[in-house]
Amino acid sequence: MPRRRAEEWLSAAAPDPAACRRQWAHGENAVALLPAGRFWDVLNVPERLGVKALDELRRLPEQEPGPTLGDFVGHRVSFFLPPDPHTLWVGTDIHYIGHGTWITVPAPYRTSGSLR
């Protein structure tokens, strides 16, 4: 997903999308706190599983994966998915982040602390 499109897609979930993009462009940490459950939910998995899944998604013909968040310190990978309150993900150390929760998101294609 091109950077501009990723910024627009992710920031659309913010209470003020323009302020979110300004924070990414000019903020000291270049991160925004965004609510899950409106335009997307987040599936957070252990790094080993997430990297394997991302590799498989990249192999799909003519389809690029959507925004993915890597946490280098926590050794986690988060996938942004369409919201689905009825989804049930079961597995060791798998977390589904949906409506009523918030996630720290760095500017697309930038690293902020341990997040990329």
PDB file of N, CA and C in Angstrom:
ATOM      1  N   MET A   1       0.863  -1.169   0.000  1.00  0.00           N
ATOM      2  CA  MET A   1       0.000   0.000   0.000  1.00  0.00           C
ATOM      3  C   MET A   1       0.908   1.231   0.000  1.00  0.00           C
ATOM      4  N   PRO A   2       0.736   2.148  -0.943  1.00  0.00           N
ATOM      5  CA  PRO A   2       1.549   3.366  -0.964  1.00  0.00           C
ATOM      6  C   PRO A   2       1.380   4.184   0.317  1.00  0.00           C
ATOM      7  N   ARG A   3       2.431   4.899   0.676  1.00  0.00           N
ATOM      8  CA  ARG A   3       2.454   5.640   1.938  1.00  0.00           C
ATOM      9  C   ARG A   3       1.252   6.561   2.101  1.00  0.00           C
ATOM     10  N   ARG A   4       0.954   7.359   1.100  1.00  0.00           N
ATOM     11  CA  ARG A   4      -0.148   8.325   1.199  1.00  0.00           C
ATOM     12  C   ARG A   4      -1.471   7.604   1.454  1.00  0.00           C
ATOM     13  N   ARG A   5      -1.686   6.509   0.738  1.00  0.00           N
ATOM     14  CA  ARG A   5      -2.925   5.750   0.912  1.00  0.00           C
ATOM     15  C   ARG A   5      -2.988   5.126   2.301  1.00  0.00           C
ATOM     16  N   ALA A   6      -1.861   4.621   2.789  1.00  0.00           N
ATOM     17  CA  ALA A   6      -1.820   4.038   4.130  1.00  0.00           C
ATOM     18  C   ALA A   6      -2.119   5.101   5.189  1.00  0.00           C
ATOM     19  N   GLU A   7      -1.545   6.290   5.039  1.00  0.00           N
ATOM     20  CA  GLU A   7      -1.807   7.382   5.987  1.00  0.00           C
ATOM     21  C   GLU A   7      -3.287   7.734   6.006  1.00  0.00           C
ATOM     22  N   GLU A   8      -3.889   7.867   4.839  1.00  0.00           N
ATOM     23  CA  GLU A   8      -5.307   8.225   4.771  1.00  0.00           C
ATOM     24  C   GLU A   8      -6.183   7.124   5.366  1.00  0.00           C
ATOM     25  N   TRP A   9      -5.859   5.884   5.041  1.00  0.00           N
ATOM     26  CA  TRP A   9      -6.657   4.757   5.520  1.00  0.00           C
ATOM     27  C   TRP A   9      -6.583   4.643   7.038  1.00  0.00           C
ATOM     28  N   LEU A  10      -5.372   4.715   7.599  1.00  0.00           N
ATOM     29  CA  LEU A  10      -5.213   4.600   9.049  1.00  0.00           C
ATOM     30  C   LEU A  10      -5.778   5.816   9.777  1.00  0.00           C
ATOM     31  N   SER A  11      -5.480   7.023   9.293  1.00  0.00           N
ATOM     32  CA  SER A  11      -5.912   8.243   9.996  1.00  0.00           C
ATOM     33  C   SER A  11      -7.416   8.441   9.945  1.00  0.00           C
ATOM     34  N   ALA A  12      -8.111   7.808   9.005  1.00  0.00           N
ATOM     35  CA  ALA A  12      -9.569   7.940   8.928  1.00  0.00           C
ATOM     36  C   ALA A  12     -10.246   7.491  10.214  1.00  0.00           C
ATOM     37  N   ALA A  13      -9.599   6.619  10.972  1.00  0.00           N
ATOM     38  CA  ALA A  13     -10.169   6.134  12.228  1.00  0.00           C
ATOM     39  C   ALA A  13     -10.025   7.143  13.362  1.00  0.00           C
ATOM     40  N   ALA A  14      -9.145   8.119  13.209  1.00  0.00           N
ATOM     41  CA  ALA A  14      -8.887   9.098  14.272  1.00  0.00           C
ATOM     42  C   ALA A  14     -10.080  10.028  14.453  1.00  0.00           C
ATOM     43  N   PRO A  15     -10.288  10.526  15.678  1.00  0.00           N
ATOM     44  CA  PRO A  15     -11.346  11.514  15.892  1.00  0.00           C
ATOM     45  C   PRO A  15     -11.162  12.746  15.001  1.00  0.00           C
ATOM     46  N   ASP A  16      -9.904  13.127  14.728  1.00  0.00           N
ATOM     47  CA  ASP A  16      -9.585  14.240  13.843  1.00  0.00           C
ATOM     48  C   ASP A  16      -8.477  13.775  12.890  1.00  0.00           C
ATOM     49  N   PRO A  17      -8.854  13.243  11.708  1.00  0.00           N
ATOM     50  CA  PRO A  17      -7.859  12.692  10.793  1.00  0.00           C
ATOM     51  C   PRO A  17      -6.752  13.673  10.389  1.00  0.00           C
ATOM     52  N   ALA A  18      -7.092  14.945  10.181  1.00  0.00           N
ATOM     53  CA  ALA A  18      -6.072  15.931   9.798  1.00  0.00           C
ATOM     54  C   ALA A  18      -5.068  16.134  10.929  1.00  0.00           C
ATOM     55  N   ALA A  19      -5.549  16.189  12.180  1.00  0.00           N
ATOM     56  CA  ALA A  19      -4.643  16.335  13.324  1.00  0.00           C
ATOM     57  C   ALA A  19      -3.748  15.104  13.457  1.00  0.00           C
ATOM     58  N   CYS A  20      -4.299  13.942  13.162  1.00  0.00           N
ATOM     59  CA  CYS A  20      -3.511  12.709  13.210  1.00  0.00           C
ATOM     60  C   CYS A  20      -2.362  12.785  12.205  1.00  0.00           C
ATOM     61  N   ARG A  21      -2.654  13.187  10.970  1.00  0.00           N
ATOM     62  CA  ARG A  21      -1.604  13.284   9.943  1.00  0.00           C
ATOM     63  C   ARG A  21      -0.569  14.343  10.299  1.00  0.00           C
ATOM     64  N   ARG A  22      -0.993  15.447  10.922  1.00  0.00           N
ATOM     65  CA  ARG A  22      -0.039  16.473  11.371  1.00  0.00           C
ATOM     66  C   ARG A  22       0.869  15.914  12.462  1.00  0.00           C
ATOM     67  N   GLN A  23       0.302  15.156  13.389  1.00  0.00           N
ATOM     68  CA  GLN A  23       1.089  14.541  14.458  1.00  0.00           C
ATOM     69  C   GLN A  23       2.146  13.618  13.861  1.00  0.00           C
ATOM     70  N   TRP A  24       1.750  12.828  12.884  1.00  0.00           N
ATOM     71  CA  TRP A  24       2.711  11.949  12.229  1.00  0.00           C
ATOM     72  C   TRP A  24       3.807  12.739  11.522  1.00  0.00           C
ATOM     73  N   ALA A  25       3.436  13.841  10.906  1.00  0.00           N
ATOM     74  CA  ALA A  25       4.407  14.617  10.124  1.00  0.00           C
ATOM     75  C   ALA A  25       5.322  15.457  11.000  1.00  0.00           C
ATOM     76  N   HIS A  26       4.804  15.977  12.111  1.00  0.00           N
ATOM     77  CA  HIS A  26       5.563  16.949  12.896  1.00  0.00           C
ATOM     78  C   HIS A  26       5.727  16.611  14.369  1.00  0.00           C
ATOM     79  N   GLY A  27       5.097  15.546  14.818  1.00  0.00           N
ATOM     80  CA  GLY A  27       5.168  15.201  16.234  1.00  0.00           C
ATOM     81  C   GLY A  27       6.538  14.689  16.626  1.00  0.00           C
ATOM     82  N   GLU A  28       6.867  14.886  17.888  1.00  0.00           N
ATOM     83  CA  GLU A  28       8.176  14.454  18.400  1.00  0.00           C
ATOM     84  C   GLU A  28       8.352  12.945  18.252  1.00  0.00           C
ATOM     85  N   ASN A  29       7.307  12.183  18.569  1.00  0.00           N
ATOM     86  CA  ASN A  29       7.393  10.726  18.473  1.00  0.00           C
ATOM     87  C   ASN A  29       6.778  10.170  17.200  1.00  0.00           C
ATOM     88  N   ALA A  30       6.073  11.006  16.455  1.00  0.00           N
ATOM     89  CA  ALA A  30       5.413  10.604  15.206  1.00  0.00           C
ATOM     90  C   ALA A  30       4.521   9.376  15.388  1.00  0.00           C
ATOM     91  N   VAL A  31       3.753   9.352  16.479  1.00  0.00           N
ATOM     92  CA  VAL A  31       2.781   8.292  16.715  1.00  0.00           C
ATOM     93  C   VAL A  31       1.416   8.921  16.979  1.00  0.00           C
ATOM     94  N   ALA A  32       0.382   8.139  16.748  1.00  0.00           N
ATOM     95  CA  ALA A  32      -0.976   8.577  17.055  1.00  0.00           C
ATOM     96  C   ALA A  32      -1.684   7.444  17.793  1.00  0.00           C
ATOM     97  N   LEU A  33      -2.564   7.800  18.678  1.00  0.00           N
ATOM     98  CA  LEU A  33      -3.383   6.825  19.386  1.00  0.00           C
ATOM     99  C   LEU A  33      -4.711   6.751  18.627  1.00  0.00           C
ATOM    100  N   LEU A  34      -5.005   5.578  18.050  1.00  0.00           N
ATOM    101  CA  LEU A  34      -6.175   5.432  17.192  1.00  0.00           C
ATOM    102  C   LEU A  34      -7.133   4.378  17.742  1.00  0.00           C
ATOM    103  N   PRO A  35      -8.438   4.621  17.594  1.00  0.00           N
ATOM    104  CA  PRO A  35      -9.422   3.657  18.077  1.00  0.00           C
ATOM    105  C   PRO A  35      -9.626   2.508  17.092  1.00  0.00           C
ATOM    106  N   ALA A  36      -9.687   1.308  17.608  1.00  0.00           N
ATOM    107  CA  ALA A  36     -10.009   0.140  16.786  1.00  0.00           C
ATOM    108  C   ALA A  36     -11.524  -0.018  16.751  1.00  0.00           C
ATOM    109  N   GLY A  37     -12.003  -0.787  15.781  1.00  0.00           N
ATOM    110  CA  GLY A  37     -13.406  -1.151  15.748  1.00  0.00           C
ATOM    111  C   GLY A  37     -14.279  -0.342  14.832  1.00  0.00           C
ATOM    112  N   ARG A  38     -13.816   0.789  14.341  1.00  0.00           N
ATOM    113  CA  ARG A  38     -14.643   1.594  13.444  1.00  0.00           C
ATOM    114  C   ARG A  38     -14.370   1.220  11.991  1.00  0.00           C
ATOM    115  N   PHE A  39     -13.120   1.368  11.556  1.00  0.00           N
ATOM    116  CA  PHE A  39     -12.745   1.041  10.186  1.00  0.00           C
ATOM    117  C   PHE A  39     -11.898  -0.220  10.120  1.00  0.00           C
ATOM    118  N   TRP A  40     -11.308  -0.584  11.212  1.00  0.00           N
ATOM    119  CA  TRP A  40     -10.452  -1.764  11.267  1.00  0.00           C
ATOM    120  C   TRP A  40     -10.324  -2.268  12.694  1.00  0.00           C
ATOM    121  N   ASP A  41     -10.012  -3.543  12.798  1.00  0.00           N
ATOM    122  CA  ASP A  41      -9.627  -4.178  14.048  1.00  0.00           C
ATOM    123  C   ASP A  41      -8.174  -4.608  13.882  1.00  0.00           C
ATOM    124  N   VAL A  42      -7.576  -5.092  14.941  1.00  0.00           N
ATOM    125  CA  VAL A  42      -6.164  -5.466  14.895  1.00  0.00           C
ATOM    126  C   VAL A  42      -6.000  -6.873  15.470  1.00  0.00           C
ATOM    127  N   LEU A  43      -5.286  -7.707  14.735  1.00  0.00           N
ATOM    128  CA  LEU A  43      -4.929  -9.037  15.213  1.00  0.00           C
ATOM    129  C   LEU A  43      -3.453  -8.987  15.572  1.00  0.00           C
ATOM    130  N   ASN A  44      -3.130  -9.173  16.854  1.00  0.00           N
ATOM    131  CA  ASN A  44      -1.768  -9.061  17.373  1.00  0.00           C
ATOM    132  C   ASN A  44      -1.269 -10.462  17.712  1.00  0.00           C
ATOM    133  N   VAL A  45      -0.146 -10.849  17.066  1.00  0.00           N
ATOM    134  CA  VAL A  45       0.367 -12.215  17.209  1.00  0.00           C
ATOM    135  C   VAL A  45       1.857 -12.189  17.534  1.00  0.00           C
ATOM    136  N   PRO A  46       2.392 -13.299  18.035  1.00  0.00           N
ATOM    137  CA  PRO A  46       3.833 -13.378  18.270  1.00  0.00           C
ATOM    138  C   PRO A  46       4.597 -13.167  16.951  1.00  0.00           C
ATOM    139  N   GLU A  47       5.780 -12.576  17.067  1.00  0.00           N
ATOM    140  CA  GLU A  47       6.582 -12.221  15.897  1.00  0.00           C
ATOM    141  C   GLU A  47       6.810 -13.402  14.947  1.00  0.00           C
ATOM    142  N   ARG A  48       7.162 -14.541  15.481  1.00  0.00           N
ATOM    143  CA  ARG A  48       7.456 -15.712  14.653  1.00  0.00           C
ATOM    144  C   ARG A  48       6.263 -16.062  13.757  1.00  0.00           C
ATOM    145  N   LEU A  49       5.074 -16.079  14.312  1.00  0.00           N
ATOM    146  CA  LEU A  49       3.861 -16.379  13.558  1.00  0.00           C
ATOM    147  C   LEU A  49       3.538 -15.248  12.584  1.00  0.00           C
ATOM    148  N   GLY A  50       3.671 -13.999  13.045  1.00  0.00           N
ATOM    149  CA  GLY A  50       3.342 -12.848  12.213  1.00  0.00           C
ATOM    150  C   GLY A  50       4.223 -12.711  10.994  1.00  0.00           C
ATOM    151  N   VAL A  51       5.516 -12.952  11.157  1.00  0.00           N
ATOM    152  CA  VAL A  51       6.443 -12.847  10.023  1.00  0.00           C
ATOM    153  C   VAL A  51       6.139 -13.940   9.001  1.00  0.00           C
ATOM    154  N   LYS A  52       5.850 -15.149   9.467  1.00  0.00           N
ATOM    155  CA  LYS A  52       5.493 -16.237   8.548  1.00  0.00           C
ATOM    156  C   LYS A  52       4.212 -15.898   7.786  1.00  0.00           C
ATOM    157  N   ALA A  53       3.217 -15.389   8.498  1.00  0.00           N
ATOM    158  CA  ALA A  53       1.949 -15.032   7.855  1.00  0.00           C
ATOM    159  C   ALA A  53       2.158 -13.913   6.842  1.00  0.00           C
ATOM    160  N   LEU A  54       2.948 -12.913   7.189  1.00  0.00           N
ATOM    161  CA  LEU A  54       3.212 -11.803   6.278  1.00  0.00           C
ATOM    162  C   LEU A  54       3.934 -12.291   5.027  1.00  0.00           C
ATOM    163  N   ASP A  55       4.885 -13.182   5.179  1.00  0.00           N
ATOM    164  CA  ASP A  55       5.575 -13.761   4.022  1.00  0.00           C
ATOM    165  C   ASP A  55       4.582 -14.468   3.102  1.00  0.00           C
ATOM    166  N   GLU A  56       3.658 -15.219   3.680  1.00  0.00           N
ATOM    167  CA  GLU A  56       2.656 -15.921   2.860  1.00  0.00           C
ATOM    168  C   GLU A  56       1.724 -14.929   2.163  1.00  0.00           C
ATOM    169  N   LEU A  57       1.310 -13.876   2.865  1.00  0.00           N
ATOM    170  CA  LEU A  57       0.435 -12.875   2.254  1.00  0.00           C
ATOM    171  C   LEU A  57       1.123 -12.169   1.088  1.00  0.00           C
ATOM    172  N   ARG A  58       2.406 -11.924   1.212  1.00  0.00           N
ATOM    173  CA  ARG A  58       3.156 -11.261   0.133  1.00  0.00           C
ATOM    174  C   ARG A  58       3.279 -12.142  -1.103  1.00  0.00           C
ATOM    175  N   ARG A  59       3.122 -13.432  -0.964  1.00  0.00           N
ATOM    176  CA  ARG A  59       3.211 -14.349  -2.102  1.00  0.00           C
ATOM    177  C   ARG A  59       1.926 -14.402  -2.923  1.00  0.00           C
ATOM    178  N   LEU A  60       0.836 -13.860  -2.393  1.00  0.00           N
ATOM    179  CA  LEU A  60      -0.425 -13.889  -3.129  1.00  0.00           C
ATOM    180  C   LEU A  60      -0.291 -13.031  -4.390  1.00  0.00           C
ATOM    181  N   PRO A  61      -0.716 -13.560  -5.530  1.00  0.00           N
ATOM    182  CA  PRO A  61      -0.575 -12.789  -6.775  1.00  0.00           C
ATOM    183  C   PRO A  61      -1.480 -11.561  -6.793  1.00  0.00           C
ATOM    184  N   GLU A  62      -0.904 -10.459  -7.223  1.00  0.00           N
ATOM    185  CA  GLU A  62      -1.637  -9.205  -7.429  1.00  0.00           C
ATOM    186  C   GLU A  62      -2.386  -8.701  -6.198  1.00  0.00           C
ATOM    187  N   GLN A  63      -1.911  -9.036  -5.019  1.00  0.00           N
ATOM    188  CA  GLN A  63      -2.563  -8.556  -3.802  1.00  0.00           C
ATOM    189  C   GLN A  63      -1.490  -8.261  -2.765  1.00  0.00           C
ATOM    190  N   GLU A  64      -1.429  -7.018  -2.347  1.00  0.00           N
ATOM    191  CA  GLU A  64      -0.457  -6.611  -1.337  1.00  0.00           C
ATOM    192  C   GLU A  64      -1.147  -6.541   0.014  1.00  0.00           C
ATOM    193  N   PRO A  65      -0.487  -7.018   1.076  1.00  0.00           N
ATOM    194  CA  PRO A  65      -1.123  -6.937   2.398  1.00  0.00           C
ATOM    195  C   PRO A  65      -1.354  -5.491   2.818  1.00  0.00           C
ATOM    196  N   GLY A  66      -2.344  -5.288   3.645  1.00  0.00           N
ATOM    197  CA  GLY A  66      -2.612  -3.960   4.173  1.00  0.00           C
ATOM    198  C   GLY A  66      -1.590  -3.595   5.237  1.00  0.00           C
ATOM    199  N   PRO A  67      -1.785  -2.450   5.890  1.00  0.00           N
ATOM    200  CA  PRO A  67      -0.837  -2.021   6.916  1.00  0.00           C
ATOM    201  C   PRO A  67      -0.642  -3.083   8.001  1.00  0.00           C
ATOM    202  N   THR A  68       0.603  -3.236   8.368  1.00  0.00           N
ATOM    203  CA  THR A  68       1.010  -4.190   9.394  1.00  0.00           C
ATOM    204  C   THR A  68       1.935  -3.458  10.347  1.00  0.00           C
ATOM    205  N   LEU A  69       1.802  -3.689  11.627  1.00  0.00           N
ATOM    206  CA  LEU A  69       2.601  -3.008  12.642  1.00  0.00           C
ATOM    207  C   LEU A  69       3.555  -3.998  13.292  1.00  0.00           C
ATOM    208  N   GLY A  70       4.826  -3.651  13.322  1.00  0.00           N
ATOM    209  CA  GLY A  70       5.820  -4.490  13.979  1.00  0.00           C
ATOM    210  C   GLY A  70       6.300  -3.838  15.263  1.00  0.00           C
ATOM    211  N   ASP A  71       6.367  -4.600  16.328  1.00  0.00           N
ATOM    212  CA  ASP A  71       6.892  -4.134  17.616  1.00  0.00           C
ATOM    213  C   ASP A  71       8.178  -4.907  17.869  1.00  0.00           C
ATOM    214  N   PHE A  72       9.326  -4.233  17.677  1.00  0.00           N
ATOM    215  CA  PHE A  72      10.621  -4.889  17.767  1.00  0.00           C
ATOM    216  C   PHE A  72      11.012  -5.251  19.193  1.00  0.00           C
ATOM    217  N   VAL A  73      10.535  -4.520  20.181  1.00  0.00           N
ATOM    218  CA  VAL A  73      10.852  -4.831  21.568  1.00  0.00           C
ATOM    219  C   VAL A  73       9.930  -5.930  22.100  1.00  0.00           C
ATOM    220  N   GLY A  74       8.651  -5.804  21.801  1.00  0.00           N
ATOM    221  CA  GLY A  74       7.683  -6.790  22.275  1.00  0.00           C
ATOM    222  C   GLY A  74       7.651  -8.058  21.435  1.00  0.00           C
ATOM    223  N   HIS A  75       8.354  -8.051  20.308  1.00  0.00           N
ATOM    224  CA  HIS A  75       8.403  -9.202  19.400  1.00  0.00           C
ATOM    225  C   HIS A  75       7.001  -9.635  18.984  1.00  0.00           C
ATOM    226  N   ARG A  76       6.237  -8.636  18.484  1.00  0.00           N
ATOM    227  CA  ARG A  76       4.854  -8.860  18.073  1.00  0.00           C
ATOM    228  C   ARG A  76       4.651  -8.286  16.673  1.00  0.00           C
ATOM    229  N   VAL A  77       3.678  -8.807  15.965  1.00  0.00           N
ATOM    230  CA  VAL A  77       3.240  -8.282  14.677  1.00  0.00           C
ATOM    231  C   VAL A  77       1.732  -8.111  14.762  1.00  0.00           C
ATOM    232  N   SER A  78       1.260  -6.961  14.299  1.00  0.00           N
ATOM    233  CA  SER A  78      -0.170  -6.674  14.321  1.00  0.00           C
ATOM    234  C   SER A  78      -0.665  -6.456  12.897  1.00  0.00           C
ATOM    235  N   PHE A  79      -1.771  -7.117  12.569  1.00  0.00           N
ATOM    236  CA  PHE A  79      -2.390  -6.997  11.258  1.00  0.00           C
ATOM    237  C   PHE A  79      -3.678  -6.190  11.391  1.00  0.00           C
ATOM    238  N   PHE A  80      -3.859  -5.203  10.536  1.00  0.00           N
ATOM    239  CA  PHE A  80      -5.087  -4.418  10.515  1.00  0.00           C
ATOM    240  C   PHE A  80      -6.078  -5.139   9.614  1.00  0.00           C
ATOM    241  N   LEU A  81      -7.247  -5.481  10.173  1.00  0.00           N
ATOM    242  CA  LEU A  81      -8.266  -6.282   9.489  1.00  0.00           C
ATOM    243  C   LEU A  81      -9.593  -5.536   9.462  1.00  0.00           C
ATOM    244  N   PRO A  82     -10.491  -5.897   8.541  1.00  0.00           N
ATOM    245  CA  PRO A  82     -11.831  -5.299   8.584  1.00  0.00           C
ATOM    246  C   PRO A  82     -12.480  -5.600   9.934  1.00  0.00           C
ATOM    247  N   PRO A  83     -13.227  -4.647  10.481  1.00  0.00           N
ATOM    248  CA  PRO A  83     -13.852  -4.891  11.787  1.00  0.00           C
ATOM    249  C   PRO A  83     -14.894  -6.006  11.703  1.00  0.00           C
ATOM    250  N   ASP A  84     -14.872  -6.858  12.689  1.00  0.00           N
ATOM    251  CA  ASP A  84     -15.826  -7.958  12.751  1.00  0.00           C
ATOM    252  C   ASP A  84     -16.017  -8.349  14.211  1.00  0.00           C
ATOM    253  N   PRO A  85     -17.074  -7.826  14.849  1.00  0.00           N
ATOM    254  CA  PRO A  85     -17.272  -8.103  16.276  1.00  0.00           C
ATOM    255  C   PRO A  85     -17.560  -9.568  16.582  1.00  0.00           C
ATOM    256  N   HIS A  86     -17.841 -10.357  15.569  1.00  0.00           N
ATOM    257  CA  HIS A  86     -18.162 -11.766  15.804  1.00  0.00           C
ATOM    258  C   HIS A  86     -16.969 -12.683  15.572  1.00  0.00           C
ATOM    259  N   THR A  87     -15.827 -12.098  15.212  1.00  0.00           N
ATOM    260  CA  THR A  87     -14.631 -12.904  14.956  1.00  0.00           C
ATOM    261  C   THR A  87     -14.090 -13.465  16.257  1.00  0.00           C
ATOM    262  N   LEU A  88     -13.686 -14.707  16.205  1.00  0.00           N
ATOM    263  CA  LEU A  88     -13.072 -15.354  17.359  1.00  0.00           C
ATOM    264  C   LEU A  88     -11.751 -15.954  16.909  1.00  0.00           C
ATOM    265  N   TRP A  89     -10.660 -15.400  17.409  1.00  0.00           N
ATOM    266  CA  TRP A  89      -9.326 -15.904  17.113  1.00  0.00           C
ATOM    267  C   TRP A  89      -8.849 -16.650  18.342  1.00  0.00           C
ATOM    268  N   VAL A  90      -8.498 -17.899  18.162  1.00  0.00           N
ATOM    269  CA  VAL A  90      -8.067 -18.721  19.273  1.00  0.00           C
ATOM    270  C   VAL A  90      -6.645 -19.187  19.006  1.00  0.00           C
ATOM    271  N   GLY A  91      -5.800 -19.034  19.996  1.00  0.00           N
ATOM    272  CA  GLY A  91      -4.427 -19.504  19.877  1.00  0.00           C
ATOM    273  C   GLY A  91      -3.604 -18.963  21.023  1.00  0.00           C
ATOM    274  N   THR A  92      -2.466 -19.553  21.227  1.00  0.00           N
ATOM    275  CA  THR A  92      -1.585 -19.123  22.295  1.00  0.00           C
ATOM    276  C   THR A  92      -1.032 -17.744  21.995  1.00  0.00           C
ATOM    277  N   ASP A  93      -1.238 -16.822  22.917  1.00  0.00           N
ATOM    278  CA  ASP A  93      -0.667 -15.477  22.838  1.00  0.00           C
ATOM    279  C   ASP A  93      -1.157 -14.668  21.646  1.00  0.00           C
ATOM    280  N   ILE A  94      -2.399 -14.897  21.207  1.00  0.00           N
ATOM    281  CA  ILE A  94      -3.011 -14.134  20.119  1.00  0.00           C
ATOM    282  C   ILE A  94      -4.025 -13.179  20.744  1.00  0.00           C
ATOM    283  N   HIS A  95      -3.966 -11.912  20.335  1.00  0.00           N
ATOM    284  CA  HIS A  95      -4.859 -10.893  20.889  1.00  0.00           C
ATOM    285  C   HIS A  95      -5.625 -10.227  19.755  1.00  0.00           C
ATOM    286  N   TYR A  96      -6.940 -10.145  19.916  1.00  0.00           N
ATOM    287  CA  TYR A  96      -7.794  -9.463  18.944  1.00  0.00           C
ATOM    288  C   TYR A  96      -8.217  -8.135  19.557  1.00  0.00           C
ATOM    289  N   ILE A  97      -7.913  -7.044  18.878  1.00  0.00           N
ATOM    290  CA  ILE A  97      -8.178  -5.700  19.385  1.00  0.00           C
ATOM    291  C   ILE A  97      -9.304  -5.108  18.543  1.00  0.00           C
ATOM    292  N   GLY A  98     -10.442  -4.859  19.185  1.00  0.00           N
ATOM    293  CA  GLY A  98     -11.606  -4.371  18.459  1.00  0.00           C
ATOM    294  C   GLY A  98     -12.226  -3.152  19.117  1.00  0.00           C
ATOM    295  N   HIS A  99     -13.510  -2.991  18.884  1.00  0.00           N
ATOM    296  CA  HIS A  99     -14.263  -1.827  19.361  1.00  0.00           C
ATOM    297  C   HIS A  99     -14.030  -1.584  20.862  1.00  0.00           C
ATOM    298  N   GLY A 100     -13.801  -0.324  21.202  1.00  0.00           N
ATOM    299  CA  GLY A 100     -13.602   0.053  22.598  1.00  0.00           C
ATOM    300  C   GLY A 100     -12.147   0.048  23.032  1.00  0.00           C
ATOM    301  N   THR A 101     -11.243  -0.302  22.131  1.00  0.00           N
ATOM    302  CA  THR A 101      -9.816  -0.303  22.465  1.00  0.00           C
ATOM    303  C   THR A 101      -9.066   0.643  21.527  1.00  0.00           C
ATOM    304  N   TRP A 102      -7.883   1.023  21.948  1.00  0.00           N
ATOM    305  CA  TRP A 102      -7.057   1.971  21.196  1.00  0.00           C
ATOM    306  C   TRP A 102      -5.683   1.356  20.972  1.00  0.00           C
ATOM    307  N   ILE A 103      -5.019   1.785  19.909  1.00  0.00           N
ATOM    308  CA  ILE A 103      -3.702   1.260  19.585  1.00  0.00           C
ATOM    309  C   ILE A 103      -2.774   2.404  19.172  1.00  0.00           C
ATOM    310  N   THR A 104      -1.526   2.317  19.597  1.00  0.00           N
ATOM    311  CA  THR A 104      -0.517   3.309  19.222  1.00  0.00           C
ATOM    312  C   THR A 104       0.008   2.947  17.848  1.00  0.00           C
ATOM    313  N   VAL A 105      -0.088   3.912  16.921  1.00  0.00           N
ATOM    314  CA  VAL A 105       0.294   3.657  15.532  1.00  0.00           C
ATOM    315  C   VAL A 105       1.318   4.711  15.083  1.00  0.00           C
ATOM    316  N   PRO A 106       2.495   4.269  14.661  1.00  0.00           N
ATOM    317  CA  PRO A 106       3.462   5.228  14.120  1.00  0.00           C
ATOM    318  C   PRO A 106       3.053   5.647  12.711  1.00  0.00           C
ATOM    319  N   ALA A 107       3.639   6.722  12.233  1.00  0.00           N
ATOM    320  CA  ALA A 107       3.401   7.136  10.856  1.00  0.00           C
ATOM    321  C   ALA A 107       3.802   6.000   9.923  1.00  0.00           C
ATOM    322  N   PRO A 108       2.998   5.717   8.910  1.00  0.00           N
ATOM    323  CA  PRO A 108       3.364   4.647   7.980  1.00  0.00           C
ATOM    324  C   PRO A 108       4.756   4.870   7.383  1.00  0.00           C
ATOM    325  N   TYR A 109       5.488   3.795   7.290  1.00  0.00           N
ATOM    326  CA  TYR A 109       6.834   3.769   6.705  1.00  0.00           C
ATOM    327  C   TYR A 109       7.864   4.518   7.536  1.00  0.00           C
ATOM    328  N   ARG A 110       7.587   4.710   8.821  1.00  0.00           N
ATOM    329  CA  ARG A 110       8.552   5.315   9.729  1.00  0.00           C
ATOM    330  C   ARG A 110       8.654   4.449  10.974  1.00  0.00           C
ATOM    331  N   THR A 111       9.762   4.550  11.649  1.00  0.00           N
ATOM    332  CA  THR A 111       9.950   3.843  12.910  1.00  0.00           C
ATOM    333  C   THR A 111       9.845   4.851  14.032  1.00  0.00           C
ATOM    334  N   SER A 112       9.137   4.486  15.090  1.00  0.00           N
ATOM    335  CA  SER A 112       9.020   5.331  16.266  1.00  0.00           C
ATOM    336  C   SER A 112       9.280   4.461  17.483  1.00  0.00           C
ATOM    337  N   GLY A 113      10.432   4.610  18.084  1.00  0.00           N
ATOM    338  CA  GLY A 113      10.797   3.747  19.196  1.00  0.00           C
ATOM    339  C   GLY A 113      10.921   2.327  18.703  1.00  0.00           C
ATOM    340  N   SER A 114      10.159   1.427  19.314  1.00  0.00           N
ATOM    341  CA  SER A 114      10.217   0.021  18.906  1.00  0.00           C
ATOM    342  C   SER A 114       9.186  -0.331  17.846  1.00  0.00           C
ATOM    343  N   LEU A 115       8.364   0.652  17.437  1.00  0.00           N
ATOM    344  CA  LEU A 115       7.269   0.381  16.484  1.00  0.00           C
ATOM    345  C   LEU A 115       7.638   0.765  15.063  1.00  0.00           C
ATOM    346  N   ARG A 116       7.232  -0.084  14.144  1.00  0.00           N
ATOM    347  CA  ARG A 116       7.426   0.232  12.729  1.00  0.00           C
ATOM    348  C   ARG A 116       6.236  -0.308  11.961  1.00  0.00           C
TER     349      ARG A 116
END
